[in-house]
Amino acid sequence: MWSSSEGDLRKKDSRQSRRVISLPPGKQTAYLHRDSKGRGGKVVTVIRRLVLSEQDMIALARQLKQACGTGGAVKEGAIEIQGEQREKIAAVLESLGYKVKIAGG
């Protein structure tokens, strides 16, 4: 097995080299989806298409979780909040200056 002074380069995450600069809330539209696939029938609200740095995404997720009083996570560039919370999340995001579209059923 070959190794360099920086360690095994095959295991480096390609996402680390990509730095995302957050756009201001007024220039973004958040899409709110309801999803239950692969979760044993439990519903989560997914917020997609936000252009935020990882730290800003985590901070926004924390703020939304506190507003809804539920748990959640940041996964694959989307924020997942437990339960059907689209109306509450839409109100919070609009108060922060985001445009909001509620998608899905």
N, C-alpha and C. Protein backbone atom coordinates (compact mmCIF):
# COMPACT_ATOMS: atom_id res chain seq x y z
N MET A 1 0.85 -1.17 0.00
CA MET A 1 0.00 0.00 0.00
C MET A 1 0.89 1.23 0.00
N TRP A 2 0.61 2.18 -0.88
CA TRP A 2 1.40 3.39 -1.01
C TRP A 2 0.80 4.49 -0.15
N SER A 3 1.67 5.28 0.44
CA SER A 3 1.22 6.38 1.27
C SER A 3 2.13 7.58 1.04
N SER A 4 1.58 8.75 1.22
CA SER A 4 2.39 9.96 1.07
C SER A 4 2.58 10.59 2.44
N SER A 5 3.28 11.69 2.47
CA SER A 5 3.48 12.38 3.75
C SER A 5 2.17 12.96 4.28
N GLU A 6 1.16 13.08 3.40
CA GLU A 6 -0.15 13.61 3.81
C GLU A 6 -1.13 12.50 4.16
N GLY A 7 -0.69 11.27 4.20
CA GLY A 7 -1.57 10.17 4.51
C GLY A 7 -2.12 9.54 3.24
N ASP A 8 -3.08 8.70 3.39
CA ASP A 8 -3.69 8.00 2.26
C ASP A 8 -4.58 8.97 1.49
N LEU A 9 -4.16 9.38 0.31
CA LEU A 9 -4.89 10.37 -0.47
C LEU A 9 -6.20 9.83 -1.02
N ARG A 10 -6.32 8.51 -1.08
CA ARG A 10 -7.57 7.93 -1.59
C ARG A 10 -8.72 8.16 -0.63
N LYS A 11 -8.44 8.35 0.63
CA LYS A 11 -9.50 8.51 1.62
C LYS A 11 -9.87 9.96 1.87
N LYS A 12 -9.22 10.89 1.18
CA LYS A 12 -9.56 12.30 1.36
C LYS A 12 -10.93 12.54 0.78
N ASP A 13 -11.72 13.30 1.48
CA ASP A 13 -13.07 13.63 1.05
C ASP A 13 -13.00 14.73 -0.01
N SER A 14 -13.60 14.50 -1.15
CA SER A 14 -13.57 15.50 -2.22
C SER A 14 -14.35 16.75 -1.85
N ARG A 15 -15.28 16.65 -0.91
CA ARG A 15 -16.07 17.81 -0.51
C ARG A 15 -15.23 18.81 0.28
N GLN A 16 -14.11 18.38 0.87
CA GLN A 16 -13.29 19.29 1.65
C GLN A 16 -12.68 20.37 0.78
N SER A 17 -12.38 20.05 -0.45
CA SER A 17 -11.75 21.03 -1.33
C SER A 17 -12.76 22.06 -1.84
N ARG A 18 -14.03 21.76 -1.75
CA ARG A 18 -15.08 22.66 -2.21
C ARG A 18 -15.54 23.56 -1.08
N ARG A 19 -15.25 24.83 -1.16
CA ARG A 19 -15.69 25.79 -0.16
C ARG A 19 -16.90 26.54 -0.70
N VAL A 20 -17.99 26.50 0.05
CA VAL A 20 -19.22 27.17 -0.37
C VAL A 20 -19.32 28.48 0.38
N ILE A 21 -19.59 29.54 -0.36
CA ILE A 21 -19.80 30.84 0.25
C ILE A 21 -21.31 31.06 0.32
N SER A 22 -21.79 31.41 1.49
CA SER A 22 -23.22 31.57 1.71
C SER A 22 -23.76 32.78 0.96
N LEU A 23 -24.91 32.59 0.33
CA LEU A 23 -25.64 33.70 -0.28
C LEU A 23 -26.51 34.35 0.77
N PRO A 24 -26.81 35.65 0.64
CA PRO A 24 -27.70 36.29 1.60
C PRO A 24 -29.12 35.72 1.48
N PRO A 25 -29.88 35.71 2.59
CA PRO A 25 -31.22 35.12 2.57
C PRO A 25 -32.14 35.71 1.51
N GLY A 26 -32.05 36.99 1.23
CA GLY A 26 -32.93 37.62 0.26
C GLY A 26 -32.73 37.13 -1.16
N LYS A 27 -31.61 36.50 -1.44
CA LYS A 27 -31.31 36.00 -2.78
C LYS A 27 -31.52 34.50 -2.91
N GLN A 28 -32.17 33.87 -1.93
CA GLN A 28 -32.34 32.43 -1.95
C GLN A 28 -33.81 32.04 -1.79
N THR A 29 -34.15 30.90 -2.34
CA THR A 29 -35.47 30.31 -2.15
C THR A 29 -35.27 28.95 -1.51
N ALA A 30 -35.92 28.74 -0.38
CA ALA A 30 -35.85 27.46 0.32
C ALA A 30 -37.05 26.63 -0.11
N TYR A 31 -36.81 25.40 -0.48
CA TYR A 31 -37.88 24.48 -0.87
C TYR A 31 -38.11 23.50 0.27
N LEU A 32 -39.34 23.45 0.79
CA LEU A 32 -39.69 22.59 1.91
C LEU A 32 -40.41 21.36 1.39
N HIS A 33 -39.86 20.20 1.68
CA HIS A 33 -40.43 18.93 1.24
C HIS A 33 -40.82 18.10 2.45
N ARG A 34 -41.84 17.28 2.26
CA ARG A 34 -42.25 16.30 3.27
C ARG A 34 -41.77 14.96 2.76
N ASP A 35 -41.06 14.21 3.61
CA ASP A 35 -40.49 12.94 3.16
C ASP A 35 -40.65 11.89 4.25
N SER A 36 -40.95 10.66 3.82
CA SER A 36 -41.04 9.55 4.79
C SER A 36 -40.40 8.28 4.26
N LYS A 37 -39.81 8.34 3.08
CA LYS A 37 -39.21 7.15 2.48
C LYS A 37 -37.96 6.72 3.25
N GLY A 38 -37.88 5.45 3.55
CA GLY A 38 -36.70 4.90 4.21
C GLY A 38 -36.60 5.26 5.68
N ARG A 39 -37.70 5.71 6.26
CA ARG A 39 -37.67 6.13 7.66
C ARG A 39 -38.72 5.38 8.50
N GLY A 40 -39.13 4.24 8.03
CA GLY A 40 -40.10 3.44 8.78
C GLY A 40 -41.46 4.13 8.92
N GLY A 41 -41.84 4.94 7.93
CA GLY A 41 -43.12 5.62 7.97
C GLY A 41 -43.11 6.94 8.72
N LYS A 42 -42.00 7.27 9.36
CA LYS A 42 -41.93 8.54 10.10
C LYS A 42 -41.65 9.67 9.12
N VAL A 43 -42.28 10.81 9.38
CA VAL A 43 -42.21 11.95 8.47
C VAL A 43 -41.11 12.91 8.92
N VAL A 44 -40.37 13.44 7.95
CA VAL A 44 -39.43 14.52 8.21
C VAL A 44 -39.70 15.63 7.20
N THR A 45 -39.37 16.84 7.59
CA THR A 45 -39.44 17.98 6.70
C THR A 45 -38.02 18.25 6.23
N VAL A 46 -37.84 18.34 4.91
CA VAL A 46 -36.51 18.52 4.33
C VAL A 46 -36.45 19.90 3.66
N ILE A 47 -35.43 20.68 4.00
CA ILE A 47 -35.21 21.99 3.40
C ILE A 47 -34.06 21.84 2.42
N ARG A 48 -34.35 22.10 1.14
CA ARG A 48 -33.36 21.90 0.07
C ARG A 48 -33.08 23.20 -0.68
N ARG A 49 -32.03 23.15 -1.49
CA ARG A 49 -31.61 24.21 -2.41
C ARG A 49 -31.14 25.49 -1.73
N LEU A 50 -30.59 25.38 -0.54
CA LEU A 50 -29.99 26.54 0.11
C LEU A 50 -28.49 26.54 -0.18
N VAL A 51 -27.97 27.70 -0.52
CA VAL A 51 -26.54 27.83 -0.78
C VAL A 51 -25.93 28.45 0.47
N LEU A 52 -25.47 27.58 1.36
CA LEU A 52 -24.90 28.00 2.64
C LEU A 52 -23.62 27.24 2.90
N SER A 53 -22.70 27.87 3.63
CA SER A 53 -21.51 27.16 4.06
C SER A 53 -21.93 26.13 5.10
N GLU A 54 -21.06 25.20 5.38
CA GLU A 54 -21.41 24.13 6.32
C GLU A 54 -21.75 24.68 7.70
N GLN A 55 -20.98 25.67 8.16
CA GLN A 55 -21.25 26.26 9.48
C GLN A 55 -22.59 26.99 9.49
N ASP A 56 -22.89 27.74 8.42
CA ASP A 56 -24.17 28.44 8.35
C ASP A 56 -25.34 27.47 8.27
N MET A 57 -25.14 26.35 7.55
CA MET A 57 -26.19 25.33 7.43
C MET A 57 -26.47 24.71 8.81
N ILE A 58 -25.42 24.43 9.56
CA ILE A 58 -25.59 23.84 10.90
C ILE A 58 -26.26 24.84 11.83
N ALA A 59 -25.88 26.11 11.74
CA ALA A 59 -26.49 27.14 12.59
C ALA A 59 -27.97 27.32 12.27
N LEU A 60 -28.32 27.31 10.99
CA LEU A 60 -29.72 27.44 10.59
C LEU A 60 -30.51 26.22 11.05
N ALA A 61 -29.93 25.03 10.92
CA ALA A 61 -30.61 23.81 11.37
C ALA A 61 -30.87 23.88 12.88
N ARG A 62 -29.90 24.36 13.63
CA ARG A 62 -30.07 24.48 15.07
C ARG A 62 -31.22 25.43 15.40
N GLN A 63 -31.27 26.56 14.69
CA GLN A 63 -32.32 27.55 14.92
C GLN A 63 -33.70 26.97 14.58
N LEU A 64 -33.80 26.22 13.49
CA LEU A 64 -35.08 25.63 13.10
C LEU A 64 -35.51 24.53 14.07
N LYS A 65 -34.56 23.74 14.54
CA LYS A 65 -34.88 22.70 15.51
C LYS A 65 -35.42 23.30 16.81
N GLN A 66 -34.81 24.40 17.24
CA GLN A 66 -35.29 25.06 18.46
C GLN A 66 -36.67 25.66 18.27
N ALA A 67 -36.92 26.25 17.10
CA ALA A 67 -38.22 26.85 16.83
C ALA A 67 -39.33 25.80 16.79
N CYS A 68 -39.00 24.60 16.29
CA CYS A 68 -40.00 23.54 16.16
C CYS A 68 -40.05 22.64 17.40
N GLY A 69 -39.04 22.70 18.23
CA GLY A 69 -39.00 21.84 19.41
C GLY A 69 -38.79 20.38 19.07
N THR A 70 -38.05 20.11 17.99
CA THR A 70 -37.80 18.74 17.57
C THR A 70 -36.33 18.56 17.23
N GLY A 71 -36.00 17.35 16.86
CA GLY A 71 -34.64 17.04 16.44
C GLY A 71 -34.49 17.20 14.94
N GLY A 72 -33.29 16.97 14.48
CA GLY A 72 -33.03 17.07 13.05
C GLY A 72 -31.56 16.91 12.78
N ALA A 73 -31.19 17.06 11.50
CA ALA A 73 -29.80 16.89 11.11
C ALA A 73 -29.56 17.59 9.78
N VAL A 74 -28.27 17.78 9.47
CA VAL A 74 -27.86 18.26 8.16
C VAL A 74 -27.28 17.06 7.43
N LYS A 75 -27.88 16.70 6.30
CA LYS A 75 -27.43 15.54 5.53
C LYS A 75 -27.39 15.89 4.06
N GLU A 76 -26.26 15.64 3.42
CA GLU A 76 -26.10 15.78 1.98
C GLU A 76 -26.57 17.15 1.47
N GLY A 77 -26.22 18.19 2.17
CA GLY A 77 -26.55 19.54 1.72
C GLY A 77 -27.99 19.95 1.95
N ALA A 78 -28.74 19.18 2.74
CA ALA A 78 -30.13 19.51 3.06
C ALA A 78 -30.32 19.44 4.57
N ILE A 79 -31.29 20.20 5.06
CA ILE A 79 -31.61 20.17 6.49
C ILE A 79 -32.84 19.31 6.67
N GLU A 80 -32.77 18.33 7.57
CA GLU A 80 -33.91 17.47 7.88
C GLU A 80 -34.37 17.78 9.29
N ILE A 81 -35.67 18.08 9.43
CA ILE A 81 -36.28 18.35 10.73
C ILE A 81 -37.35 17.29 10.95
N GLN A 82 -37.36 16.69 12.13
CA GLN A 82 -38.30 15.62 12.41
C GLN A 82 -39.73 16.13 12.46
N GLY A 83 -40.63 15.36 11.85
CA GLY A 83 -42.06 15.66 11.90
C GLY A 83 -42.51 16.56 10.75
N GLU A 84 -43.81 16.74 10.66
CA GLU A 84 -44.43 17.61 9.66
C GLU A 84 -44.40 19.03 10.21
N GLN A 85 -43.39 19.79 9.82
CA GLN A 85 -43.14 21.12 10.39
C GLN A 85 -43.08 22.21 9.32
N ARG A 86 -43.61 21.95 8.14
CA ARG A 86 -43.42 22.88 7.02
C ARG A 86 -43.97 24.28 7.32
N GLU A 87 -45.11 24.39 7.94
CA GLU A 87 -45.69 25.71 8.20
C GLU A 87 -44.84 26.52 9.19
N LYS A 88 -44.40 25.87 10.27
CA LYS A 88 -43.55 26.55 11.26
C LYS A 88 -42.22 26.97 10.65
N ILE A 89 -41.62 26.06 9.89
CA ILE A 89 -40.33 26.34 9.27
C ILE A 89 -40.47 27.47 8.25
N ALA A 90 -41.56 27.46 7.49
CA ALA A 90 -41.78 28.52 6.51
C ALA A 90 -41.86 29.88 7.19
N ALA A 91 -42.55 29.94 8.33
CA ALA A 91 -42.67 31.21 9.05
C ALA A 91 -41.32 31.70 9.56
N VAL A 92 -40.51 30.78 10.08
CA VAL A 92 -39.19 31.15 10.59
C VAL A 92 -38.29 31.62 9.45
N LEU A 93 -38.27 30.87 8.35
CA LEU A 93 -37.41 31.23 7.23
C LEU A 93 -37.82 32.57 6.61
N GLU A 94 -39.12 32.82 6.51
CA GLU A 94 -39.59 34.10 5.98
C GLU A 94 -39.20 35.25 6.88
N SER A 95 -39.24 35.03 8.20
CA SER A 95 -38.83 36.09 9.13
C SER A 95 -37.33 36.37 9.02
N LEU A 96 -36.55 35.38 8.56
CA LEU A 96 -35.11 35.56 8.36
C LEU A 96 -34.79 36.18 6.99
N GLY A 97 -35.81 36.31 6.13
CA GLY A 97 -35.61 36.94 4.84
C GLY A 97 -35.56 35.99 3.65
N TYR A 98 -35.73 34.69 3.87
CA TYR A 98 -35.71 33.73 2.78
C TYR A 98 -37.06 33.72 2.05
N LYS A 99 -37.03 33.44 0.76
CA LYS A 99 -38.25 33.12 0.01
C LYS A 99 -38.50 31.65 0.25
N VAL A 100 -39.76 31.27 0.41
CA VAL A 100 -40.08 29.88 0.74
C VAL A 100 -41.10 29.32 -0.24
N LYS A 101 -40.86 28.10 -0.70
CA LYS A 101 -41.82 27.36 -1.52
C LYS A 101 -42.05 26.04 -0.84
N ILE A 102 -43.34 25.72 -0.62
CA ILE A 102 -43.69 24.43 -0.03
C ILE A 102 -43.96 23.47 -1.17
N ALA A 103 -43.18 22.41 -1.23
CA ALA A 103 -43.25 21.45 -2.33
C ALA A 103 -43.69 20.10 -1.80
N GLY A 104 -44.22 19.29 -2.67
CA GLY A 104 -44.61 17.94 -2.30
C GLY A 104 -45.93 17.87 -1.57
N GLY A 105 -46.32 16.66 -1.21
CA GLY A 105 -47.63 16.46 -0.59
C GLY A 105 -47.52 16.17 0.80
